Amino acid sequence: MESRDGSASRDAIVNGYRALAAAGMMHGSSGNVSVRTADGMLITPSGIDAVRLAAGTLVEMSLDGDVQGAGLPSSEWRMHAAIYRRFPQAGAIVHTHADACVALACLRSDLPAFHYMVAGFGGDDVRCAAYAPFGSARLAELAADAMERRSACLLANHGMLARAVSVEAAVAAALRLETLCRQYLLALQAGTPMLLDADEMRAVHERYASYGRSMLPA
């Protein structure tokens, strides 16, 4: 349960960031994590790594960029804000410069339906947003566009984004996307991957609609 001072959200961000760093998804101070709040968002600060990150260093701010209290937010706060505005169901966002995601993003390539698990991000691919400078309003717009009907995207010559209802779910999605990008790049080294066609992906989406429901309480 969320405490009055938001400590549960703060702990979730810190734990999520450290989990990504431990998995090799966060390098130095690259990447950022945020959680939606009633008045905007909590986001990791600019220029901090997993070792120095603590609940008290997180920055509380509005989606318009007004900071409540002290701290300098991540340079990518506009990207997070744009996604929260566009997708009301988004409760948390993860942005990383994970190796395989960056490698594919530097090819400016979408992640196609080479594996059925691509469907888990909401469509028949994971789009790569067009390039714009980091921290810019243009990048924020392009990223939000790339995530229409998707829960993740790549960012050209930059990295990746994942949105979910919670930090834990967003972290899991980021790890899944990095794994799939790595597998796709390995397949490209061996030849030309065979992609699932529209009918095959339609069947996957139908299965995903009820996947895991037996594990949930009635």
N, C-alpha and C. Protein backbone atom coordinates (compact mmCIF):
# COMPACT_ATOMS: atom_id res chain seq x y z
N MET A 1 0.85 -1.19 0.00
CA MET A 1 0.00 0.00 0.00
C MET A 1 0.89 1.25 0.00
N GLU A 2 0.48 2.28 -0.79
CA GLU A 2 1.24 3.52 -0.87
C GLU A 2 1.10 4.29 0.44
N SER A 3 2.22 4.72 0.98
CA SER A 3 2.20 5.52 2.19
C SER A 3 1.91 6.98 1.84
N ARG A 4 1.59 7.78 2.86
CA ARG A 4 1.22 9.17 2.63
C ARG A 4 2.35 9.97 2.00
N ASP A 5 3.60 9.61 2.31
CA ASP A 5 4.73 10.36 1.76
C ASP A 5 5.26 9.77 0.45
N GLY A 6 4.55 8.76 -0.09
CA GLY A 6 4.96 8.18 -1.37
C GLY A 6 6.16 7.27 -1.28
N SER A 7 6.47 6.76 -0.09
CA SER A 7 7.70 5.97 0.07
C SER A 7 7.66 4.67 -0.73
N ALA A 8 6.49 4.08 -0.91
CA ALA A 8 6.40 2.84 -1.68
C ALA A 8 6.82 3.08 -3.13
N SER A 9 6.36 4.18 -3.73
CA SER A 9 6.76 4.51 -5.10
C SER A 9 8.25 4.80 -5.17
N ARG A 10 8.77 5.51 -4.18
CA ARG A 10 10.20 5.83 -4.17
C ARG A 10 11.04 4.55 -4.07
N ASP A 11 10.63 3.65 -3.19
CA ASP A 11 11.36 2.39 -3.04
C ASP A 11 11.28 1.56 -4.32
N ALA A 12 10.12 1.57 -4.98
CA ALA A 12 9.95 0.80 -6.21
C ALA A 12 10.90 1.32 -7.29
N ILE A 13 11.03 2.62 -7.40
CA ILE A 13 11.93 3.20 -8.40
C ILE A 13 13.38 2.81 -8.10
N VAL A 14 13.81 2.98 -6.86
CA VAL A 14 15.19 2.65 -6.49
C VAL A 14 15.47 1.17 -6.72
N ASN A 15 14.56 0.31 -6.28
CA ASN A 15 14.75 -1.13 -6.45
C ASN A 15 14.77 -1.52 -7.93
N GLY A 16 13.88 -0.89 -8.72
CA GLY A 16 13.83 -1.19 -10.15
C GLY A 16 15.10 -0.75 -10.86
N TYR A 17 15.57 0.45 -10.53
CA TYR A 17 16.79 0.95 -11.16
C TYR A 17 17.98 0.05 -10.83
N ARG A 18 18.07 -0.34 -9.56
CA ARG A 18 19.19 -1.20 -9.16
C ARG A 18 19.10 -2.58 -9.79
N ALA A 19 17.88 -3.10 -9.96
CA ALA A 19 17.71 -4.39 -10.62
C ALA A 19 18.16 -4.32 -12.07
N LEU A 20 17.84 -3.23 -12.74
CA LEU A 20 18.27 -3.05 -14.13
C LEU A 20 19.79 -2.92 -14.21
N ALA A 21 20.39 -2.20 -13.27
CA ALA A 21 21.84 -2.06 -13.25
C ALA A 21 22.50 -3.42 -13.03
N ALA A 22 21.96 -4.20 -12.11
CA ALA A 22 22.53 -5.52 -11.81
C ALA A 22 22.43 -6.45 -13.01
N ALA A 23 21.40 -6.23 -13.85
CA ALA A 23 21.22 -7.06 -15.04
C ALA A 23 22.02 -6.54 -16.24
N GLY A 24 22.81 -5.47 -16.03
CA GLY A 24 23.62 -4.92 -17.11
C GLY A 24 22.85 -4.01 -18.05
N MET A 25 21.67 -3.57 -17.62
CA MET A 25 20.81 -2.74 -18.47
C MET A 25 21.07 -1.25 -18.28
N MET A 26 21.65 -0.87 -17.15
CA MET A 26 21.97 0.53 -16.87
C MET A 26 23.49 0.66 -16.77
N HIS A 27 24.05 1.55 -17.55
CA HIS A 27 25.50 1.74 -17.56
C HIS A 27 25.82 3.13 -16.99
N GLY A 28 26.47 3.17 -15.85
CA GLY A 28 26.77 4.45 -15.22
C GLY A 28 25.49 5.19 -14.87
N SER A 29 25.39 6.43 -15.31
CA SER A 29 24.21 7.22 -15.00
C SER A 29 23.22 7.27 -16.16
N SER A 30 23.40 6.41 -17.16
CA SER A 30 22.47 6.39 -18.28
C SER A 30 21.16 5.72 -17.86
N GLY A 31 20.09 6.11 -18.50
CA GLY A 31 18.80 5.51 -18.20
C GLY A 31 18.08 6.19 -17.06
N ASN A 32 16.78 5.97 -16.98
CA ASN A 32 15.96 6.59 -15.95
C ASN A 32 14.67 5.81 -15.75
N VAL A 33 14.10 6.00 -14.57
CA VAL A 33 12.87 5.31 -14.17
C VAL A 33 11.94 6.33 -13.54
N SER A 34 10.64 6.20 -13.81
CA SER A 34 9.68 7.11 -13.20
C SER A 34 8.41 6.38 -12.82
N VAL A 35 7.63 7.03 -11.96
CA VAL A 35 6.31 6.54 -11.55
C VAL A 35 5.33 7.71 -11.63
N ARG A 36 4.14 7.44 -12.13
CA ARG A 36 3.11 8.47 -12.15
C ARG A 36 2.63 8.75 -10.73
N THR A 37 2.37 10.01 -10.42
CA THR A 37 1.79 10.40 -9.14
C THR A 37 0.50 11.17 -9.41
N ALA A 38 -0.21 11.50 -8.35
CA ALA A 38 -1.47 12.24 -8.49
C ALA A 38 -1.25 13.59 -9.15
N ASP A 39 -0.08 14.20 -8.92
CA ASP A 39 0.19 15.55 -9.43
C ASP A 39 1.21 15.58 -10.55
N GLY A 40 1.70 14.44 -10.99
CA GLY A 40 2.71 14.42 -12.04
C GLY A 40 3.49 13.13 -12.03
N MET A 41 4.77 13.20 -11.60
CA MET A 41 5.59 12.00 -11.57
C MET A 41 6.75 12.15 -10.60
N LEU A 42 7.27 10.99 -10.20
CA LEU A 42 8.54 10.87 -9.50
C LEU A 42 9.52 10.30 -10.49
N ILE A 43 10.71 10.88 -10.61
CA ILE A 43 11.67 10.42 -11.61
C ILE A 43 13.08 10.45 -11.04
N THR A 44 13.91 9.58 -11.55
CA THR A 44 15.31 9.56 -11.12
C THR A 44 15.99 10.87 -11.53
N PRO A 45 16.95 11.33 -10.74
CA PRO A 45 17.61 12.60 -11.03
C PRO A 45 18.63 12.49 -12.14
N SER A 46 19.08 13.63 -12.61
CA SER A 46 20.10 13.69 -13.65
C SER A 46 21.46 13.29 -13.09
N GLY A 47 22.20 12.50 -13.88
CA GLY A 47 23.60 12.22 -13.58
C GLY A 47 23.86 11.42 -12.32
N ILE A 48 23.04 10.42 -12.04
CA ILE A 48 23.27 9.60 -10.85
C ILE A 48 23.31 8.13 -11.25
N ASP A 49 24.11 7.34 -10.54
CA ASP A 49 24.19 5.92 -10.84
C ASP A 49 23.48 5.10 -9.76
N ALA A 50 23.45 3.79 -9.95
CA ALA A 50 22.70 2.92 -9.05
C ALA A 50 23.26 2.93 -7.64
N VAL A 51 24.54 3.14 -7.50
CA VAL A 51 25.17 3.14 -6.17
C VAL A 51 24.71 4.35 -5.36
N ARG A 52 24.62 5.50 -5.99
CA ARG A 52 24.28 6.73 -5.27
C ARG A 52 22.77 7.02 -5.23
N LEU A 53 22.00 6.31 -6.04
CA LEU A 53 20.56 6.54 -6.07
C LEU A 53 19.92 6.11 -4.75
N ALA A 54 19.08 6.97 -4.19
CA ALA A 54 18.35 6.68 -2.96
C ALA A 54 16.98 7.33 -3.06
N ALA A 55 16.08 6.90 -2.19
CA ALA A 55 14.72 7.41 -2.24
C ALA A 55 14.69 8.94 -2.14
N GLY A 56 15.57 9.49 -1.33
CA GLY A 56 15.58 10.93 -1.13
C GLY A 56 16.14 11.72 -2.29
N THR A 57 16.80 11.06 -3.24
CA THR A 57 17.36 11.79 -4.39
C THR A 57 16.37 11.89 -5.54
N LEU A 58 15.24 11.18 -5.47
CA LEU A 58 14.26 11.22 -6.55
C LEU A 58 13.60 12.59 -6.63
N VAL A 59 13.20 12.96 -7.83
CA VAL A 59 12.66 14.30 -8.07
C VAL A 59 11.16 14.20 -8.32
N GLU A 60 10.39 14.98 -7.56
CA GLU A 60 8.95 15.05 -7.76
C GLU A 60 8.64 16.27 -8.61
N MET A 61 7.83 16.08 -9.65
CA MET A 61 7.57 17.18 -10.57
C MET A 61 6.23 17.01 -11.28
N SER A 62 5.75 18.11 -11.84
CA SER A 62 4.54 18.06 -12.65
C SER A 62 4.92 17.58 -14.06
N LEU A 63 3.91 17.24 -14.85
CA LEU A 63 4.17 16.83 -16.23
C LEU A 63 4.53 18.02 -17.11
N ASP A 64 4.40 19.23 -16.58
CA ASP A 64 4.80 20.43 -17.31
C ASP A 64 6.22 20.87 -16.98
N GLY A 65 6.88 20.14 -16.07
CA GLY A 65 8.27 20.44 -15.77
C GLY A 65 8.51 21.22 -14.51
N ASP A 66 7.47 21.50 -13.74
CA ASP A 66 7.65 22.22 -12.48
C ASP A 66 8.11 21.26 -11.39
N VAL A 67 9.28 21.51 -10.82
CA VAL A 67 9.85 20.65 -9.79
C VAL A 67 9.34 21.07 -8.42
N GLN A 68 8.86 20.08 -7.66
CA GLN A 68 8.45 20.34 -6.28
C GLN A 68 9.62 19.98 -5.35
N GLY A 69 10.16 20.96 -4.68
CA GLY A 69 11.29 20.70 -3.81
C GLY A 69 12.60 20.83 -4.56
N ALA A 70 13.61 20.11 -4.07
CA ALA A 70 14.95 20.20 -4.64
C ALA A 70 15.19 19.10 -5.66
N GLY A 71 16.28 19.22 -6.39
CA GLY A 71 16.70 18.17 -7.30
C GLY A 71 16.57 18.58 -8.76
N LEU A 72 17.42 17.98 -9.59
CA LEU A 72 17.40 18.19 -11.03
C LEU A 72 16.94 16.90 -11.68
N PRO A 73 15.80 16.90 -12.36
CA PRO A 73 15.29 15.66 -12.93
C PRO A 73 16.12 15.17 -14.10
N SER A 74 15.95 13.92 -14.44
CA SER A 74 16.59 13.36 -15.63
C SER A 74 16.36 14.26 -16.83
N SER A 75 17.34 14.33 -17.70
CA SER A 75 17.20 15.14 -18.92
C SER A 75 16.09 14.61 -19.81
N GLU A 76 15.65 13.38 -19.58
CA GLU A 76 14.59 12.78 -20.40
C GLU A 76 13.21 12.93 -19.78
N TRP A 77 13.03 13.85 -18.84
CA TRP A 77 11.73 13.98 -18.18
C TRP A 77 10.61 14.29 -19.17
N ARG A 78 10.92 15.01 -20.24
CA ARG A 78 9.88 15.33 -21.23
C ARG A 78 9.33 14.08 -21.89
N MET A 79 10.20 13.12 -22.12
CA MET A 79 9.78 11.86 -22.74
C MET A 79 8.82 11.10 -21.82
N HIS A 80 9.14 11.05 -20.55
CA HIS A 80 8.27 10.40 -19.58
C HIS A 80 6.93 11.13 -19.51
N ALA A 81 6.98 12.47 -19.43
CA ALA A 81 5.76 13.26 -19.32
C ALA A 81 4.86 13.06 -20.53
N ALA A 82 5.45 13.01 -21.72
CA ALA A 82 4.66 12.84 -22.93
C ALA A 82 3.93 11.50 -22.94
N ILE A 83 4.59 10.47 -22.43
CA ILE A 83 3.98 9.14 -22.40
C ILE A 83 2.86 9.09 -21.36
N TYR A 84 3.07 9.70 -20.21
CA TYR A 84 2.00 9.74 -19.20
C TYR A 84 0.78 10.50 -19.72
N ARG A 85 1.02 11.57 -20.47
CA ARG A 85 -0.10 12.33 -21.03
C ARG A 85 -0.86 11.49 -22.06
N ARG A 86 -0.12 10.80 -22.90
CA ARG A 86 -0.72 10.07 -24.02
C ARG A 86 -1.42 8.79 -23.57
N PHE A 87 -0.87 8.15 -22.51
CA PHE A 87 -1.38 6.83 -22.12
C PHE A 87 -1.78 6.85 -20.64
N PRO A 88 -3.04 7.10 -20.36
CA PRO A 88 -3.50 7.19 -18.96
C PRO A 88 -3.26 5.92 -18.16
N GLN A 89 -3.17 4.77 -18.84
CA GLN A 89 -2.97 3.51 -18.14
C GLN A 89 -1.52 3.30 -17.72
N ALA A 90 -0.60 4.12 -18.21
CA ALA A 90 0.82 3.98 -17.86
C ALA A 90 1.04 4.44 -16.42
N GLY A 91 1.56 3.54 -15.59
CA GLY A 91 1.84 3.88 -14.20
C GLY A 91 3.30 4.04 -13.91
N ALA A 92 4.15 3.52 -14.81
CA ALA A 92 5.60 3.59 -14.62
C ALA A 92 6.28 3.47 -15.97
N ILE A 93 7.48 4.04 -16.06
CA ILE A 93 8.24 4.04 -17.32
C ILE A 93 9.70 3.73 -17.01
N VAL A 94 10.29 2.91 -17.86
CA VAL A 94 11.72 2.58 -17.78
C VAL A 94 12.37 2.98 -19.10
N HIS A 95 13.50 3.66 -19.02
CA HIS A 95 14.31 4.00 -20.19
C HIS A 95 15.74 3.53 -19.93
N THR A 96 16.28 2.72 -20.84
CA THR A 96 17.65 2.24 -20.68
C THR A 96 18.43 2.38 -21.99
N HIS A 97 19.76 2.26 -21.85
CA HIS A 97 20.66 2.19 -22.99
C HIS A 97 21.24 0.77 -23.05
N ALA A 98 20.38 -0.22 -22.89
CA ALA A 98 20.82 -1.61 -22.90
C ALA A 98 21.45 -1.97 -24.24
N ASP A 99 22.48 -2.80 -24.20
CA ASP A 99 23.35 -3.03 -25.36
C ASP A 99 22.61 -3.49 -26.62
N ALA A 100 21.83 -4.55 -26.53
CA ALA A 100 21.18 -5.09 -27.73
C ALA A 100 20.12 -4.13 -28.26
N CYS A 101 19.39 -3.49 -27.37
CA CYS A 101 18.40 -2.49 -27.80
C CYS A 101 19.09 -1.34 -28.52
N VAL A 102 20.21 -0.87 -27.97
CA VAL A 102 20.94 0.22 -28.61
C VAL A 102 21.48 -0.22 -29.97
N ALA A 103 22.01 -1.42 -30.04
CA ALA A 103 22.56 -1.91 -31.30
C ALA A 103 21.50 -1.93 -32.40
N LEU A 104 20.31 -2.45 -32.08
CA LEU A 104 19.24 -2.49 -33.08
C LEU A 104 18.75 -1.09 -33.39
N ALA A 105 18.66 -0.24 -32.35
CA ALA A 105 18.22 1.14 -32.56
C ALA A 105 19.20 1.92 -33.43
N CYS A 106 20.48 1.57 -33.38
CA CYS A 106 21.47 2.23 -34.22
C CYS A 106 21.35 1.81 -35.69
N LEU A 107 20.69 0.71 -35.93
CA LEU A 107 20.34 0.32 -37.30
C LEU A 107 19.05 1.01 -37.75
N ARG A 108 18.42 1.71 -36.81
CA ARG A 108 17.11 2.36 -37.03
C ARG A 108 16.10 1.35 -37.56
N SER A 109 16.11 0.20 -36.92
CA SER A 109 15.26 -0.91 -37.34
C SER A 109 14.21 -1.21 -36.28
N ASP A 110 12.98 -1.48 -36.73
CA ASP A 110 11.98 -2.03 -35.83
C ASP A 110 12.38 -3.45 -35.45
N LEU A 111 11.85 -3.94 -34.34
CA LEU A 111 12.00 -5.36 -33.99
C LEU A 111 10.80 -6.07 -34.58
N PRO A 112 10.99 -6.88 -35.63
CA PRO A 112 9.85 -7.51 -36.31
C PRO A 112 9.39 -8.78 -35.61
N ALA A 113 8.40 -9.42 -36.19
CA ALA A 113 7.79 -10.62 -35.61
C ALA A 113 8.63 -11.86 -35.91
N PHE A 114 9.88 -11.85 -35.46
CA PHE A 114 10.74 -13.02 -35.65
C PHE A 114 10.45 -14.07 -34.58
N HIS A 115 9.81 -13.65 -33.48
CA HIS A 115 9.49 -14.53 -32.35
C HIS A 115 8.11 -14.15 -31.85
N TYR A 116 7.36 -15.16 -31.42
CA TYR A 116 5.99 -14.87 -31.00
C TYR A 116 5.91 -13.91 -29.82
N MET A 117 6.97 -13.84 -28.99
CA MET A 117 6.90 -13.00 -27.79
C MET A 117 6.91 -11.50 -28.12
N VAL A 118 7.20 -11.15 -29.37
CA VAL A 118 7.07 -9.75 -29.78
C VAL A 118 5.64 -9.28 -29.56
N ALA A 119 4.68 -10.19 -29.69
CA ALA A 119 3.27 -9.84 -29.50
C ALA A 119 2.98 -9.35 -28.09
N GLY A 120 3.81 -9.71 -27.13
CA GLY A 120 3.61 -9.30 -25.76
C GLY A 120 3.71 -7.80 -25.55
N PHE A 121 4.24 -7.07 -26.56
CA PHE A 121 4.34 -5.62 -26.46
C PHE A 121 3.17 -4.91 -27.15
N GLY A 122 2.19 -5.71 -27.60
CA GLY A 122 0.95 -5.12 -28.07
C GLY A 122 0.69 -5.14 -29.56
N GLY A 123 1.67 -5.52 -30.36
CA GLY A 123 1.47 -5.50 -31.81
C GLY A 123 2.29 -6.58 -32.50
N ASP A 124 2.51 -6.37 -33.80
CA ASP A 124 3.29 -7.34 -34.58
C ASP A 124 4.75 -6.91 -34.71
N ASP A 125 5.13 -5.86 -34.02
CA ASP A 125 6.51 -5.40 -34.00
C ASP A 125 6.71 -4.48 -32.80
N VAL A 126 7.95 -4.13 -32.55
CA VAL A 126 8.27 -3.05 -31.62
C VAL A 126 8.92 -1.98 -32.48
N ARG A 127 8.29 -0.83 -32.54
CA ARG A 127 8.74 0.22 -33.46
C ARG A 127 10.01 0.90 -32.95
N CYS A 128 10.78 1.42 -33.91
CA CYS A 128 11.92 2.27 -33.58
C CYS A 128 11.54 3.70 -33.92
N ALA A 129 11.50 4.56 -32.91
CA ALA A 129 11.17 5.97 -33.14
C ALA A 129 12.29 6.64 -33.93
N ALA A 130 11.91 7.58 -34.77
CA ALA A 130 12.90 8.34 -35.53
C ALA A 130 13.83 9.11 -34.60
N TYR A 131 14.98 9.49 -35.12
CA TYR A 131 15.99 10.15 -34.29
C TYR A 131 15.61 11.59 -33.98
N ALA A 132 15.88 12.00 -32.76
CA ALA A 132 15.85 13.40 -32.33
C ALA A 132 16.82 13.52 -31.17
N PRO A 133 17.37 14.70 -30.90
CA PRO A 133 18.34 14.86 -29.82
C PRO A 133 17.77 14.44 -28.46
N PHE A 134 18.62 13.88 -27.63
CA PHE A 134 18.18 13.44 -26.31
C PHE A 134 17.67 14.64 -25.50
N GLY A 135 16.65 14.39 -24.70
CA GLY A 135 16.11 15.42 -23.85
C GLY A 135 15.21 16.43 -24.55
N SER A 136 15.02 16.28 -25.84
CA SER A 136 14.26 17.28 -26.59
C SER A 136 12.76 17.00 -26.58
N ALA A 137 11.98 18.06 -26.78
CA ALA A 137 10.53 17.90 -26.90
C ALA A 137 10.19 17.08 -28.13
N ARG A 138 10.99 17.19 -29.18
CA ARG A 138 10.74 16.41 -30.40
C ARG A 138 10.91 14.92 -30.14
N LEU A 139 11.94 14.54 -29.39
CA LEU A 139 12.12 13.13 -29.06
C LEU A 139 10.94 12.63 -28.24
N ALA A 140 10.46 13.42 -27.30
CA ALA A 140 9.31 13.03 -26.49
C ALA A 140 8.11 12.74 -27.36
N GLU A 141 7.87 13.58 -28.36
CA GLU A 141 6.73 13.40 -29.27
C GLU A 141 6.90 12.14 -30.10
N LEU A 142 8.10 11.93 -30.64
CA LEU A 142 8.36 10.76 -31.48
C LEU A 142 8.24 9.46 -30.68
N ALA A 143 8.72 9.48 -29.45
CA ALA A 143 8.64 8.28 -28.61
C ALA A 143 7.19 7.93 -28.30
N ALA A 144 6.39 8.93 -27.95
CA ALA A 144 4.98 8.68 -27.67
C ALA A 144 4.27 8.14 -28.91
N ASP A 145 4.60 8.68 -30.08
CA ASP A 145 4.00 8.18 -31.33
C ASP A 145 4.36 6.71 -31.55
N ALA A 146 5.62 6.36 -31.30
CA ALA A 146 6.08 4.98 -31.53
C ALA A 146 5.42 3.99 -30.58
N MET A 147 4.92 4.48 -29.45
CA MET A 147 4.32 3.60 -28.46
C MET A 147 2.79 3.52 -28.58
N GLU A 148 2.23 4.12 -29.62
CA GLU A 148 0.79 3.94 -29.85
C GLU A 148 0.49 2.46 -30.06
N ARG A 149 -0.44 1.94 -29.26
CA ARG A 149 -0.84 0.53 -29.31
C ARG A 149 0.35 -0.41 -29.02
N ARG A 150 1.35 0.11 -28.33
CA ARG A 150 2.52 -0.68 -27.94
C ARG A 150 2.89 -0.32 -26.50
N SER A 151 3.57 -1.23 -25.82
CA SER A 151 4.04 -0.95 -24.45
C SER A 151 5.54 -0.70 -24.40
N ALA A 152 6.19 -0.70 -25.57
CA ALA A 152 7.63 -0.44 -25.61
C ALA A 152 8.00 0.08 -26.99
N CYS A 153 9.17 0.70 -27.07
CA CYS A 153 9.70 1.12 -28.36
C CYS A 153 11.22 1.24 -28.25
N LEU A 154 11.86 1.29 -29.40
CA LEU A 154 13.26 1.63 -29.50
C LEU A 154 13.37 3.10 -29.88
N LEU A 155 14.52 3.69 -29.59
CA LEU A 155 14.78 5.10 -29.90
C LEU A 155 16.02 5.14 -30.78
N ALA A 156 15.88 5.63 -32.00
CA ALA A 156 16.98 5.59 -32.97
C ALA A 156 18.26 6.16 -32.40
N ASN A 157 19.35 5.39 -32.54
CA ASN A 157 20.68 5.81 -32.09
C ASN A 157 20.71 6.23 -30.62
N HIS A 158 19.91 5.52 -29.79
CA HIS A 158 19.76 5.97 -28.42
C HIS A 158 19.52 4.82 -27.44
N GLY A 159 18.34 4.19 -27.47
CA GLY A 159 18.04 3.18 -26.46
C GLY A 159 16.63 2.64 -26.59
N MET A 160 15.99 2.40 -25.45
CA MET A 160 14.65 1.81 -25.45
C MET A 160 13.81 2.42 -24.34
N LEU A 161 12.49 2.21 -24.47
CA LEU A 161 11.50 2.63 -23.49
C LEU A 161 10.50 1.52 -23.27
N ALA A 162 10.03 1.38 -22.03
CA ALA A 162 8.93 0.46 -21.74
C ALA A 162 8.00 1.14 -20.74
N ARG A 163 6.70 0.99 -20.94
CA ARG A 163 5.71 1.51 -20.01
C ARG A 163 4.86 0.36 -19.50
N ALA A 164 4.38 0.48 -18.27
CA ALA A 164 3.55 -0.56 -17.68
C ALA A 164 2.77 0.04 -16.51
N VAL A 165 2.00 -0.79 -15.84
CA VAL A 165 1.19 -0.30 -14.72
C VAL A 165 2.03 -0.09 -13.47
N SER A 166 3.18 -0.74 -13.39
CA SER A 166 4.04 -0.64 -12.21
C SER A 166 5.50 -0.67 -12.62
N VAL A 167 6.38 -0.25 -11.71
CA VAL A 167 7.81 -0.31 -11.98
C VAL A 167 8.24 -1.75 -12.23
N GLU A 168 7.74 -2.66 -11.41
CA GLU A 168 8.13 -4.06 -11.55
C GLU A 168 7.79 -4.60 -12.94
N ALA A 169 6.59 -4.26 -13.42
CA ALA A 169 6.17 -4.73 -14.74
C ALA A 169 6.98 -4.04 -15.85
N ALA A 170 7.30 -2.77 -15.67
CA ALA A 170 8.09 -2.06 -16.68
C ALA A 170 9.52 -2.61 -16.74
N VAL A 171 10.09 -2.93 -15.58
CA VAL A 171 11.42 -3.54 -15.55
C VAL A 171 11.40 -4.89 -16.26
N ALA A 172 10.39 -5.70 -15.98
CA ALA A 172 10.27 -7.01 -16.64
C ALA A 172 10.15 -6.85 -18.15
N ALA A 173 9.38 -5.85 -18.59
CA ALA A 173 9.22 -5.62 -20.03
C ALA A 173 10.55 -5.19 -20.66
N ALA A 174 11.30 -4.34 -19.97
CA ALA A 174 12.60 -3.90 -20.48
C ALA A 174 13.56 -5.07 -20.63
N LEU A 175 13.59 -5.94 -19.64
CA LEU A 175 14.45 -7.13 -19.71
C LEU A 175 14.04 -8.05 -20.85
N ARG A 176 12.73 -8.18 -21.06
CA ARG A 176 12.21 -9.02 -22.14
C ARG A 176 12.60 -8.44 -23.49
N LEU A 177 12.48 -7.12 -23.63
CA LEU A 177 12.83 -6.50 -24.90
C LEU A 177 14.31 -6.63 -25.20
N GLU A 178 15.15 -6.44 -24.21
CA GLU A 178 16.59 -6.60 -24.41
C GLU A 178 16.92 -8.03 -24.85
N THR A 179 16.29 -9.01 -24.24
CA THR A 179 16.52 -10.41 -24.62
C THR A 179 16.12 -10.65 -26.07
N LEU A 180 14.95 -10.16 -26.46
CA LEU A 180 14.48 -10.36 -27.82
C LEU A 180 15.36 -9.65 -28.84
N CYS A 181 15.79 -8.43 -28.52
CA CYS A 181 16.69 -7.72 -29.44
C CYS A 181 18.00 -8.47 -29.61
N ARG A 182 18.53 -9.00 -28.52
CA ARG A 182 19.77 -9.78 -28.61
C ARG A 182 19.56 -11.02 -29.47
N GLN A 183 18.45 -11.72 -29.28
CA GLN A 183 18.17 -12.92 -30.06
C GLN A 183 17.99 -12.60 -31.54
N TYR A 184 17.34 -11.47 -31.82
CA TYR A 184 17.15 -11.07 -33.22
C TYR A 184 18.49 -10.75 -33.88
N LEU A 185 19.36 -10.03 -33.17
CA LEU A 185 20.67 -9.72 -33.73
C LEU A 185 21.49 -10.99 -33.95
N LEU A 186 21.37 -11.97 -33.06
CA LEU A 186 22.05 -13.25 -33.27
C LEU A 186 21.52 -13.97 -34.51
N ALA A 187 20.20 -13.93 -34.68
CA ALA A 187 19.60 -14.57 -35.85
C ALA A 187 20.07 -13.89 -37.15
N LEU A 188 20.21 -12.56 -37.12
CA LEU A 188 20.68 -11.85 -38.30
C LEU A 188 22.11 -12.26 -38.67
N GLN A 189 22.90 -12.57 -37.67
CA GLN A 189 24.28 -13.00 -37.94
C GLN A 189 24.31 -14.36 -38.64
N ALA A 190 23.30 -15.18 -38.37
CA ALA A 190 23.26 -16.53 -38.95
C ALA A 190 22.61 -16.56 -40.33
N GLY A 191 21.82 -15.54 -40.65
CA GLY A 191 21.12 -15.53 -41.93
C GLY A 191 19.97 -14.53 -41.89
N THR A 192 18.92 -14.86 -42.63
CA THR A 192 17.74 -14.00 -42.67
C THR A 192 16.62 -14.65 -41.86
N PRO A 193 16.25 -14.07 -40.72
CA PRO A 193 15.22 -14.70 -39.89
C PRO A 193 13.89 -14.82 -40.62
N MET A 194 13.22 -15.92 -40.40
CA MET A 194 11.87 -16.12 -40.94
C MET A 194 10.90 -15.44 -39.99
N LEU A 195 10.07 -14.55 -40.53
CA LEU A 195 9.14 -13.81 -39.70
C LEU A 195 7.77 -14.49 -39.69
N LEU A 196 7.09 -14.37 -38.56
CA LEU A 196 5.72 -14.87 -38.47
C LEU A 196 4.83 -13.96 -39.31
N ASP A 197 3.89 -14.57 -40.04
CA ASP A 197 3.02 -13.76 -40.89
C ASP A 197 1.82 -13.25 -40.09
N ALA A 198 0.97 -12.49 -40.74
CA ALA A 198 -0.15 -11.83 -40.05
C ALA A 198 -1.08 -12.84 -39.40
N ASP A 199 -1.37 -13.94 -40.08
CA ASP A 199 -2.27 -14.95 -39.51
C ASP A 199 -1.63 -15.61 -38.29
N GLU A 200 -0.35 -15.90 -38.37
CA GLU A 200 0.34 -16.52 -37.24
C GLU A 200 0.38 -15.58 -36.04
N MET A 201 0.62 -14.31 -36.29
CA MET A 201 0.64 -13.35 -35.18
C MET A 201 -0.76 -13.12 -34.62
N ARG A 202 -1.78 -13.17 -35.48
CA ARG A 202 -3.15 -13.04 -34.99
C ARG A 202 -3.47 -14.15 -33.99
N ALA A 203 -3.03 -15.36 -34.30
CA ALA A 203 -3.26 -16.49 -33.39
C ALA A 203 -2.51 -16.29 -32.08
N VAL A 204 -1.31 -15.71 -32.16
CA VAL A 204 -0.54 -15.44 -30.94
C VAL A 204 -1.28 -14.41 -30.07
N HIS A 205 -1.77 -13.35 -30.69
CA HIS A 205 -2.49 -12.32 -29.94
C HIS A 205 -3.72 -12.90 -29.25
N GLU A 206 -4.40 -13.82 -29.92
CA GLU A 206 -5.57 -14.45 -29.31
C GLU A 206 -5.16 -15.27 -28.09
N ARG A 207 -4.04 -15.95 -28.17
CA ARG A 207 -3.56 -16.72 -27.02
C ARG A 207 -3.11 -15.81 -25.89
N TYR A 208 -2.46 -14.69 -26.25
CA TYR A 208 -2.01 -13.75 -25.22
C TYR A 208 -3.18 -13.13 -24.47
N ALA A 209 -4.34 -13.05 -25.11
CA ALA A 209 -5.51 -12.43 -24.47
C ALA A 209 -5.90 -13.13 -23.18
N SER A 210 -5.63 -14.44 -23.09
CA SER A 210 -5.98 -15.19 -21.88
C SER A 210 -4.77 -15.78 -21.18
N TYR A 211 -3.57 -15.46 -21.68
CA TYR A 211 -2.34 -16.02 -21.11
C TYR A 211 -2.19 -15.61 -19.65
N GLY A 212 -2.01 -16.59 -18.78
CA GLY A 212 -1.75 -16.33 -17.37
C GLY A 212 -2.99 -16.09 -16.53
N ARG A 213 -4.17 -16.03 -17.14
CA ARG A 213 -5.37 -15.74 -16.35
C ARG A 213 -5.67 -16.82 -15.33
N SER A 214 -5.26 -18.06 -15.62
CA SER A 214 -5.51 -19.14 -14.66
C SER A 214 -4.70 -18.96 -13.39
N MET A 215 -3.66 -18.10 -13.45
CA MET A 215 -2.82 -17.86 -12.29
C MET A 215 -3.36 -16.72 -11.44
N LEU A 216 -4.39 -16.03 -11.92
CA LEU A 216 -4.92 -14.86 -11.22
C LEU A 216 -6.13 -15.25 -10.38
N PRO A 217 -6.37 -14.54 -9.29
CA PRO A 217 -7.55 -14.83 -8.49
C PRO A 217 -8.82 -14.50 -9.25
N ALA A 218 -9.90 -15.21 -8.98
CA ALA A 218 -11.17 -14.98 -9.67
C ALA A 218 -11.72 -13.63 -9.29
